[in-house]
Amino acid sequence: MAALLRSLTEADLSAYRALLMPGLEQDADSFRIAPADEQDAPFPTHNRPDSFTLGTFVDNRLAGVVSFQREGADRVKLRHKGLLFRMYVSPDFRGQGLAGLLIQAVVDRARQLDGMEQINLTVVTTNPAKRLYERFGFRSFSLEEKAIKWRGTYLTEEAMKLVL
């Protein structure tokens, strides 16, 4: 399997949604957003060095995505932190290393950003992706019980960080 990794832009919004929307239903317990939240939302990032979305393609099909943005884009005191978010790989392509490829690409790009010291993320504690984040060096720094309530069920969310 040869995967192509590239930046996505607003021009890719329909492909992005076609991948993400079914995931928001099928893997609802892995996201803090619901399908209705994403239905008419703008593209999640701004196609800048410190605000980007990456996609991985297999046979010209979008197979996975991840987004990153500087947390302090307009706050001087927070510019040292970035946020990895909306990580998702289609079930059809899981187990092929695509998630790791996406995470590594975010880490590599973040290391090139002036003043970037750490990457933060949140993950539902039952999400198997938590183990993948740990393999990349992300460490827990906070738990929030009942962080998410979806269809009558509460989910605990864990905040993790990677010091660059």
N, C-alpha and C. Protein backbone atom coordinates (compact mmCIF):
# COMPACT_ATOMS: atom_id res chain seq x y z
N MET A 1 0.84 -1.18 0.00
CA MET A 1 0.00 0.00 0.00
C MET A 1 0.88 1.24 0.00
N ALA A 2 0.70 2.08 -0.96
CA ALA A 2 1.41 3.35 -1.02
C ALA A 2 0.43 4.46 -0.68
N ALA A 3 0.72 5.17 0.39
CA ALA A 3 -0.16 6.26 0.82
C ALA A 3 0.47 7.59 0.44
N LEU A 4 -0.35 8.48 -0.04
CA LEU A 4 0.06 9.84 -0.36
C LEU A 4 -0.44 10.74 0.75
N LEU A 5 0.44 11.58 1.28
CA LEU A 5 0.08 12.52 2.33
C LEU A 5 0.17 13.92 1.75
N ARG A 6 -0.89 14.72 1.97
CA ARG A 6 -0.83 16.11 1.49
C ARG A 6 -1.72 16.99 2.36
N SER A 7 -1.47 18.28 2.28
CA SER A 7 -2.30 19.26 2.98
C SER A 7 -3.66 19.35 2.29
N LEU A 8 -4.69 19.49 3.10
CA LEU A 8 -6.03 19.71 2.58
C LEU A 8 -6.39 21.18 2.78
N THR A 9 -7.25 21.68 1.91
CA THR A 9 -7.71 23.06 1.99
C THR A 9 -9.24 23.08 1.91
N GLU A 10 -9.79 24.26 1.93
CA GLU A 10 -11.24 24.40 1.81
C GLU A 10 -11.76 23.76 0.53
N ALA A 11 -10.94 23.68 -0.51
CA ALA A 11 -11.34 23.03 -1.76
C ALA A 11 -11.60 21.54 -1.56
N ASP A 12 -11.07 20.98 -0.48
CA ASP A 12 -11.25 19.56 -0.18
C ASP A 12 -12.39 19.30 0.80
N LEU A 13 -13.18 20.32 1.09
CA LEU A 13 -14.21 20.20 2.12
C LEU A 13 -15.19 19.06 1.86
N SER A 14 -15.61 18.87 0.63
CA SER A 14 -16.59 17.80 0.37
C SER A 14 -15.97 16.42 0.62
N ALA A 15 -14.74 16.20 0.21
CA ALA A 15 -14.07 14.92 0.47
C ALA A 15 -13.82 14.75 1.97
N TYR A 16 -13.45 15.83 2.64
CA TYR A 16 -13.23 15.81 4.08
C TYR A 16 -14.51 15.38 4.80
N ARG A 17 -15.61 16.01 4.45
CA ARG A 17 -16.89 15.67 5.08
C ARG A 17 -17.34 14.26 4.74
N ALA A 18 -17.11 13.84 3.50
CA ALA A 18 -17.50 12.48 3.09
C ALA A 18 -16.76 11.43 3.93
N LEU A 19 -15.55 11.73 4.34
CA LEU A 19 -14.81 10.82 5.21
C LEU A 19 -15.26 10.94 6.66
N LEU A 20 -15.33 12.17 7.15
CA LEU A 20 -15.55 12.41 8.57
C LEU A 20 -16.99 12.15 9.04
N MET A 21 -17.97 12.54 8.24
CA MET A 21 -19.37 12.44 8.70
C MET A 21 -19.78 11.02 9.09
N PRO A 22 -19.48 10.00 8.29
CA PRO A 22 -19.83 8.64 8.73
C PRO A 22 -19.10 8.25 10.01
N GLY A 23 -17.87 8.73 10.16
CA GLY A 23 -17.11 8.45 11.37
C GLY A 23 -17.72 9.06 12.61
N LEU A 24 -18.31 10.23 12.46
CA LEU A 24 -18.96 10.88 13.60
C LEU A 24 -20.15 10.07 14.09
N GLU A 25 -20.75 9.28 13.21
CA GLU A 25 -21.84 8.37 13.61
C GLU A 25 -21.29 7.03 14.08
N GLN A 26 -20.46 6.40 13.26
CA GLN A 26 -19.96 5.06 13.55
C GLN A 26 -19.04 5.03 14.76
N ASP A 27 -18.25 6.06 14.94
CA ASP A 27 -17.30 6.14 16.04
C ASP A 27 -17.64 7.31 16.95
N ALA A 28 -18.92 7.50 17.22
CA ALA A 28 -19.40 8.66 17.97
C ALA A 28 -18.71 8.81 19.33
N ASP A 29 -18.36 7.70 19.96
CA ASP A 29 -17.72 7.76 21.26
C ASP A 29 -16.26 8.19 21.20
N SER A 30 -15.76 8.45 20.01
CA SER A 30 -14.37 8.88 19.86
C SER A 30 -14.25 10.38 19.57
N PHE A 31 -15.37 11.06 19.44
CA PHE A 31 -15.35 12.47 19.06
C PHE A 31 -16.09 13.33 20.07
N ARG A 32 -15.66 14.56 20.20
CA ARG A 32 -16.38 15.52 21.03
C ARG A 32 -17.38 16.34 20.20
N ILE A 33 -17.39 16.10 18.89
CA ILE A 33 -18.37 16.77 18.03
C ILE A 33 -19.37 15.74 17.51
N ALA A 34 -20.58 16.20 17.28
CA ALA A 34 -21.66 15.37 16.76
C ALA A 34 -21.82 15.68 15.27
N PRO A 35 -22.46 14.79 14.53
CA PRO A 35 -22.68 15.06 13.10
C PRO A 35 -23.34 16.41 12.84
N ALA A 36 -24.29 16.80 13.66
CA ALA A 36 -24.97 18.09 13.46
C ALA A 36 -24.01 19.26 13.63
N ASP A 37 -22.99 19.08 14.47
CA ASP A 37 -21.99 20.14 14.67
C ASP A 37 -21.17 20.39 13.41
N GLU A 38 -20.95 19.34 12.65
CA GLU A 38 -20.07 19.42 11.48
C GLU A 38 -20.82 19.71 10.19
N GLN A 39 -22.11 19.45 10.18
CA GLN A 39 -22.90 19.53 8.95
C GLN A 39 -22.65 20.78 8.12
N ASP A 40 -22.68 21.93 8.73
CA ASP A 40 -22.49 23.19 8.01
C ASP A 40 -21.27 23.97 8.49
N ALA A 41 -20.39 23.32 9.21
CA ALA A 41 -19.21 23.99 9.77
C ALA A 41 -18.22 24.33 8.66
N PRO A 42 -17.46 25.39 8.85
CA PRO A 42 -16.40 25.72 7.88
C PRO A 42 -15.26 24.71 7.99
N PHE A 43 -14.37 24.73 7.03
CA PHE A 43 -13.20 23.88 7.08
C PHE A 43 -12.46 24.18 8.39
N PRO A 44 -11.92 23.16 9.07
CA PRO A 44 -11.42 23.35 10.44
C PRO A 44 -10.15 24.18 10.59
N THR A 45 -9.39 24.37 9.53
CA THR A 45 -8.14 25.11 9.66
C THR A 45 -8.01 26.14 8.53
N HIS A 46 -6.91 26.90 8.58
CA HIS A 46 -6.79 28.07 7.70
C HIS A 46 -5.68 28.00 6.67
N ASN A 47 -5.12 26.82 6.43
CA ASN A 47 -4.08 26.64 5.41
C ASN A 47 -2.91 27.61 5.61
N ARG A 48 -2.43 27.63 6.86
CA ARG A 48 -1.25 28.42 7.22
C ARG A 48 -0.24 27.45 7.86
N PRO A 49 1.00 27.85 7.97
CA PRO A 49 1.97 26.96 8.62
C PRO A 49 1.56 26.51 10.02
N ASP A 50 0.82 27.37 10.76
CA ASP A 50 0.42 27.00 12.12
C ASP A 50 -1.07 26.66 12.24
N SER A 51 -1.73 26.40 11.12
CA SER A 51 -3.13 25.99 11.11
C SER A 51 -3.38 25.20 9.84
N PHE A 52 -3.33 23.87 9.95
CA PHE A 52 -3.39 23.03 8.76
C PHE A 52 -4.12 21.72 9.01
N THR A 53 -4.62 21.15 7.94
CA THR A 53 -5.24 19.83 7.96
C THR A 53 -4.49 18.97 6.95
N LEU A 54 -4.14 17.78 7.37
CA LEU A 54 -3.46 16.83 6.49
C LEU A 54 -4.39 15.67 6.17
N GLY A 55 -4.25 15.16 4.97
CA GLY A 55 -5.01 13.99 4.57
C GLY A 55 -4.09 12.95 3.99
N THR A 56 -4.43 11.70 4.20
CA THR A 56 -3.68 10.63 3.58
C THR A 56 -4.61 9.92 2.60
N PHE A 57 -4.09 9.65 1.42
CA PHE A 57 -4.86 9.06 0.33
C PHE A 57 -4.29 7.70 -0.02
N VAL A 58 -5.18 6.76 -0.28
CA VAL A 58 -4.81 5.44 -0.77
C VAL A 58 -5.62 5.22 -2.04
N ASP A 59 -4.93 4.96 -3.14
CA ASP A 59 -5.61 4.80 -4.43
C ASP A 59 -6.55 5.96 -4.73
N ASN A 60 -6.05 7.18 -4.51
CA ASN A 60 -6.81 8.42 -4.76
C ASN A 60 -8.05 8.57 -3.89
N ARG A 61 -8.16 7.79 -2.82
CA ARG A 61 -9.30 7.88 -1.91
C ARG A 61 -8.81 8.43 -0.57
N LEU A 62 -9.48 9.48 -0.07
CA LEU A 62 -9.11 10.03 1.23
C LEU A 62 -9.38 8.99 2.30
N ALA A 63 -8.33 8.60 3.01
CA ALA A 63 -8.42 7.50 3.97
C ALA A 63 -8.32 7.97 5.42
N GLY A 64 -7.68 9.12 5.64
CA GLY A 64 -7.52 9.61 7.01
C GLY A 64 -7.20 11.09 7.02
N VAL A 65 -7.51 11.73 8.15
CA VAL A 65 -7.27 13.17 8.30
C VAL A 65 -6.81 13.48 9.72
N VAL A 66 -6.14 14.60 9.85
CA VAL A 66 -5.80 15.16 11.15
C VAL A 66 -5.63 16.67 10.96
N SER A 67 -5.98 17.42 12.00
CA SER A 67 -5.82 18.88 11.94
C SER A 67 -4.93 19.34 13.08
N PHE A 68 -4.32 20.50 12.87
CA PHE A 68 -3.44 21.12 13.85
C PHE A 68 -3.61 22.63 13.77
N GLN A 69 -3.57 23.26 14.92
CA GLN A 69 -3.53 24.72 14.93
C GLN A 69 -2.80 25.21 16.17
N ARG A 70 -2.15 26.34 16.01
CA ARG A 70 -1.49 26.98 17.15
C ARG A 70 -2.59 27.46 18.09
N GLU A 71 -2.48 27.12 19.36
CA GLU A 71 -3.50 27.53 20.32
C GLU A 71 -3.49 29.03 20.54
N GLY A 72 -2.35 29.63 20.45
CA GLY A 72 -2.25 31.06 20.71
C GLY A 72 -2.12 31.89 19.45
N ALA A 73 -2.89 31.56 18.43
CA ALA A 73 -2.79 32.30 17.17
C ALA A 73 -2.97 33.80 17.39
N ASP A 74 -3.82 34.16 18.35
CA ASP A 74 -4.03 35.58 18.64
C ASP A 74 -3.82 35.88 20.13
N ARG A 75 -3.07 35.02 20.80
CA ARG A 75 -2.78 35.20 22.23
C ARG A 75 -1.29 34.97 22.47
N VAL A 76 -0.58 36.02 22.77
CA VAL A 76 0.87 35.95 22.92
C VAL A 76 1.28 34.93 23.98
N LYS A 77 0.53 34.83 25.06
CA LYS A 77 0.91 33.95 26.15
C LYS A 77 0.68 32.47 25.85
N LEU A 78 -0.01 32.16 24.78
CA LEU A 78 -0.32 30.76 24.45
C LEU A 78 0.36 30.28 23.17
N ARG A 79 1.16 31.10 22.53
CA ARG A 79 1.74 30.77 21.23
C ARG A 79 2.71 29.59 21.26
N HIS A 80 3.11 29.16 22.43
CA HIS A 80 4.04 28.04 22.54
C HIS A 80 3.36 26.68 22.40
N LYS A 81 2.01 26.68 22.33
CA LYS A 81 1.26 25.43 22.29
C LYS A 81 0.48 25.28 20.99
N GLY A 82 0.36 24.04 20.56
CA GLY A 82 -0.48 23.72 19.42
C GLY A 82 -1.47 22.63 19.81
N LEU A 83 -2.50 22.47 19.00
CA LEU A 83 -3.55 21.50 19.27
C LEU A 83 -3.70 20.55 18.09
N LEU A 84 -3.54 19.27 18.33
CA LEU A 84 -3.82 18.22 17.35
C LEU A 84 -5.28 17.83 17.57
N PHE A 85 -6.09 17.84 16.50
CA PHE A 85 -7.51 17.53 16.68
C PHE A 85 -8.09 16.91 15.42
N ARG A 86 -9.26 16.35 15.56
CA ARG A 86 -10.02 15.68 14.50
C ARG A 86 -9.20 14.63 13.75
N MET A 87 -8.53 13.82 14.52
CA MET A 87 -7.78 12.69 13.97
C MET A 87 -8.78 11.59 13.63
N TYR A 88 -8.74 11.11 12.39
CA TYR A 88 -9.67 10.06 11.99
C TYR A 88 -9.12 9.29 10.80
N VAL A 89 -9.20 7.96 10.88
CA VAL A 89 -8.87 7.08 9.77
C VAL A 89 -10.07 6.19 9.52
N SER A 90 -10.47 6.09 8.28
CA SER A 90 -11.61 5.25 7.89
C SER A 90 -11.38 3.81 8.34
N PRO A 91 -12.43 3.14 8.82
CA PRO A 91 -12.29 1.73 9.20
C PRO A 91 -11.71 0.86 8.07
N ASP A 92 -11.97 1.23 6.83
CA ASP A 92 -11.46 0.47 5.68
C ASP A 92 -9.93 0.48 5.61
N PHE A 93 -9.30 1.45 6.27
CA PHE A 93 -7.85 1.62 6.15
C PHE A 93 -7.11 1.52 7.48
N ARG A 94 -7.77 1.13 8.52
CA ARG A 94 -7.12 1.01 9.82
C ARG A 94 -6.16 -0.18 9.83
N GLY A 95 -5.16 -0.07 10.67
CA GLY A 95 -4.18 -1.14 10.80
C GLY A 95 -3.10 -1.12 9.74
N GLN A 96 -3.06 -0.05 8.94
CA GLN A 96 -2.08 0.05 7.86
C GLN A 96 -1.02 1.12 8.12
N GLY A 97 -1.04 1.70 9.32
CA GLY A 97 -0.03 2.69 9.68
C GLY A 97 -0.37 4.11 9.28
N LEU A 98 -1.57 4.35 8.78
CA LEU A 98 -1.91 5.69 8.31
C LEU A 98 -2.02 6.69 9.46
N ALA A 99 -2.58 6.27 10.59
CA ALA A 99 -2.70 7.17 11.73
C ALA A 99 -1.32 7.61 12.20
N GLY A 100 -0.39 6.68 12.26
CA GLY A 100 0.97 7.02 12.65
C GLY A 100 1.63 7.97 11.67
N LEU A 101 1.37 7.76 10.40
CA LEU A 101 1.89 8.65 9.36
C LEU A 101 1.37 10.07 9.56
N LEU A 102 0.09 10.20 9.85
CA LEU A 102 -0.52 11.52 10.07
C LEU A 102 0.04 12.19 11.32
N ILE A 103 0.14 11.44 12.42
CA ILE A 103 0.66 12.02 13.66
C ILE A 103 2.10 12.47 13.47
N GLN A 104 2.91 11.62 12.86
CA GLN A 104 4.32 11.98 12.65
C GLN A 104 4.45 13.23 11.80
N ALA A 105 3.60 13.36 10.79
CA ALA A 105 3.64 14.55 9.93
C ALA A 105 3.29 15.81 10.71
N VAL A 106 2.29 15.72 11.61
CA VAL A 106 1.94 16.87 12.44
C VAL A 106 3.10 17.24 13.35
N VAL A 107 3.68 16.25 14.00
CA VAL A 107 4.80 16.50 14.90
C VAL A 107 5.97 17.14 14.14
N ASP A 108 6.29 16.60 12.98
CA ASP A 108 7.39 17.15 12.19
C ASP A 108 7.13 18.60 11.79
N ARG A 109 5.91 18.89 11.35
CA ARG A 109 5.59 20.27 10.95
C ARG A 109 5.58 21.21 12.14
N ALA A 110 5.05 20.74 13.26
CA ALA A 110 4.99 21.58 14.46
C ALA A 110 6.39 21.94 14.95
N ARG A 111 7.32 21.00 14.84
CA ARG A 111 8.70 21.26 15.28
C ARG A 111 9.34 22.38 14.46
N GLN A 112 8.86 22.62 13.26
CA GLN A 112 9.41 23.66 12.40
C GLN A 112 8.84 25.05 12.71
N LEU A 113 7.80 25.11 13.52
CA LEU A 113 7.16 26.39 13.82
C LEU A 113 7.93 27.14 14.90
N ASP A 114 8.18 28.40 14.64
CA ASP A 114 8.90 29.25 15.58
C ASP A 114 8.16 29.31 16.91
N GLY A 115 8.86 28.99 17.98
CA GLY A 115 8.30 29.11 19.32
C GLY A 115 7.38 27.98 19.75
N MET A 116 7.17 26.97 18.92
CA MET A 116 6.28 25.87 19.28
C MET A 116 7.01 24.93 20.24
N GLU A 117 6.44 24.74 21.43
CA GLU A 117 7.08 23.92 22.46
C GLU A 117 6.33 22.64 22.77
N GLN A 118 5.01 22.62 22.55
CA GLN A 118 4.27 21.41 22.88
C GLN A 118 3.02 21.31 22.02
N ILE A 119 2.59 20.06 21.85
CA ILE A 119 1.34 19.76 21.16
C ILE A 119 0.39 19.14 22.17
N ASN A 120 -0.80 19.67 22.26
CA ASN A 120 -1.83 19.14 23.14
C ASN A 120 -2.89 18.43 22.30
N LEU A 121 -3.60 17.52 22.94
CA LEU A 121 -4.76 16.88 22.32
C LEU A 121 -5.66 16.39 23.43
N THR A 122 -6.89 16.09 23.08
CA THR A 122 -7.80 15.41 24.00
C THR A 122 -8.27 14.14 23.34
N VAL A 123 -8.49 13.13 24.15
CA VAL A 123 -8.93 11.84 23.65
C VAL A 123 -9.88 11.22 24.67
N VAL A 124 -10.95 10.62 24.19
CA VAL A 124 -11.84 9.88 25.07
C VAL A 124 -11.05 8.70 25.61
N THR A 125 -11.13 8.46 26.90
CA THR A 125 -10.26 7.46 27.53
C THR A 125 -10.44 6.05 26.98
N THR A 126 -11.59 5.75 26.40
CA THR A 126 -11.83 4.41 25.85
C THR A 126 -11.41 4.30 24.39
N ASN A 127 -10.94 5.37 23.79
CA ASN A 127 -10.55 5.36 22.38
C ASN A 127 -9.21 4.63 22.22
N PRO A 128 -9.15 3.60 21.36
CA PRO A 128 -7.87 2.89 21.16
C PRO A 128 -6.74 3.79 20.67
N ALA A 129 -7.06 4.94 20.09
CA ALA A 129 -6.02 5.86 19.60
C ALA A 129 -5.14 6.37 20.74
N LYS A 130 -5.63 6.30 21.96
CA LYS A 130 -4.84 6.77 23.11
C LYS A 130 -3.50 6.04 23.16
N ARG A 131 -3.49 4.75 22.91
CA ARG A 131 -2.24 3.98 22.93
C ARG A 131 -1.29 4.46 21.83
N LEU A 132 -1.84 4.80 20.68
CA LEU A 132 -1.01 5.31 19.59
C LEU A 132 -0.37 6.64 19.98
N TYR A 133 -1.15 7.53 20.58
CA TYR A 133 -0.60 8.81 21.03
C TYR A 133 0.53 8.58 22.04
N GLU A 134 0.34 7.64 22.94
CA GLU A 134 1.38 7.34 23.93
C GLU A 134 2.66 6.84 23.25
N ARG A 135 2.52 6.04 22.20
CA ARG A 135 3.71 5.56 21.49
C ARG A 135 4.50 6.71 20.86
N PHE A 136 3.82 7.79 20.53
CA PHE A 136 4.50 8.96 19.97
C PHE A 136 5.03 9.89 21.05
N GLY A 137 4.83 9.52 22.32
CA GLY A 137 5.38 10.31 23.42
C GLY A 137 4.41 11.23 24.11
N PHE A 138 3.14 11.24 23.70
CA PHE A 138 2.15 12.06 24.39
C PHE A 138 1.91 11.49 25.77
N ARG A 139 1.81 12.38 26.76
CA ARG A 139 1.59 11.98 28.14
C ARG A 139 0.38 12.70 28.70
N SER A 140 -0.36 12.00 29.55
CA SER A 140 -1.57 12.54 30.15
C SER A 140 -1.23 13.65 31.14
N PHE A 141 -2.06 14.70 31.17
CA PHE A 141 -1.90 15.71 32.20
C PHE A 141 -3.21 16.09 32.87
N SER A 142 -4.32 15.48 32.41
CA SER A 142 -5.60 15.82 33.03
C SER A 142 -6.68 14.84 32.58
N LEU A 143 -7.62 14.58 33.47
CA LEU A 143 -8.82 13.80 33.15
C LEU A 143 -10.03 14.64 33.49
N GLU A 144 -11.02 14.60 32.60
CA GLU A 144 -12.28 15.27 32.89
C GLU A 144 -13.39 14.23 32.78
N GLU A 145 -13.94 13.85 33.93
CA GLU A 145 -15.06 12.93 33.94
C GLU A 145 -16.30 13.68 33.43
N LYS A 146 -17.17 12.94 32.77
CA LYS A 146 -18.40 13.52 32.21
C LYS A 146 -18.11 14.70 31.29
N ALA A 147 -17.01 14.65 30.57
CA ALA A 147 -16.63 15.72 29.66
C ALA A 147 -17.58 15.79 28.47
N ILE A 148 -18.08 14.63 28.06
CA ILE A 148 -18.94 14.53 26.89
C ILE A 148 -20.19 13.77 27.30
N LYS A 149 -21.33 14.24 26.83
CA LYS A 149 -22.58 13.51 27.04
C LYS A 149 -23.22 13.31 25.68
N TRP A 150 -23.38 12.05 25.30
CA TRP A 150 -23.93 11.73 23.99
C TRP A 150 -24.93 10.60 24.13
N ARG A 151 -26.16 10.89 23.74
CA ARG A 151 -27.23 9.88 23.76
C ARG A 151 -27.36 9.22 25.12
N GLY A 152 -27.30 10.05 26.17
CA GLY A 152 -27.52 9.59 27.53
C GLY A 152 -26.31 8.96 28.20
N THR A 153 -25.18 8.92 27.53
CA THR A 153 -23.98 8.32 28.09
C THR A 153 -22.90 9.39 28.28
N TYR A 154 -22.25 9.35 29.43
CA TYR A 154 -21.15 10.26 29.70
C TYR A 154 -19.82 9.59 29.33
N LEU A 155 -18.91 10.39 28.81
CA LEU A 155 -17.59 9.90 28.44
C LEU A 155 -16.53 10.75 29.15
N THR A 156 -15.46 10.11 29.58
CA THR A 156 -14.34 10.79 30.21
C THR A 156 -13.32 11.14 29.13
N GLU A 157 -12.83 12.35 29.21
CA GLU A 157 -11.85 12.83 28.24
C GLU A 157 -10.51 13.05 28.94
N GLU A 158 -9.44 12.68 28.25
CA GLU A 158 -8.09 12.81 28.78
C GLU A 158 -7.35 13.85 27.96
N ALA A 159 -6.69 14.78 28.64
CA ALA A 159 -5.84 15.75 27.96
C ALA A 159 -4.41 15.21 27.97
N MET A 160 -3.76 15.27 26.82
CA MET A 160 -2.40 14.75 26.68
C MET A 160 -1.54 15.83 26.01
N LYS A 161 -0.24 15.74 26.25
CA LYS A 161 0.67 16.69 25.60
C LYS A 161 1.96 15.97 25.21
N LEU A 162 2.56 16.51 24.16
CA LEU A 162 3.87 16.07 23.71
C LEU A 162 4.78 17.29 23.77
N VAL A 163 5.82 17.22 24.58
CA VAL A 163 6.80 18.30 24.64
C VAL A 163 7.76 18.11 23.49
N LEU A 164 7.90 19.16 22.67
CA LEU A 164 8.75 19.05 21.47
C LEU A 164 10.20 19.24 21.79
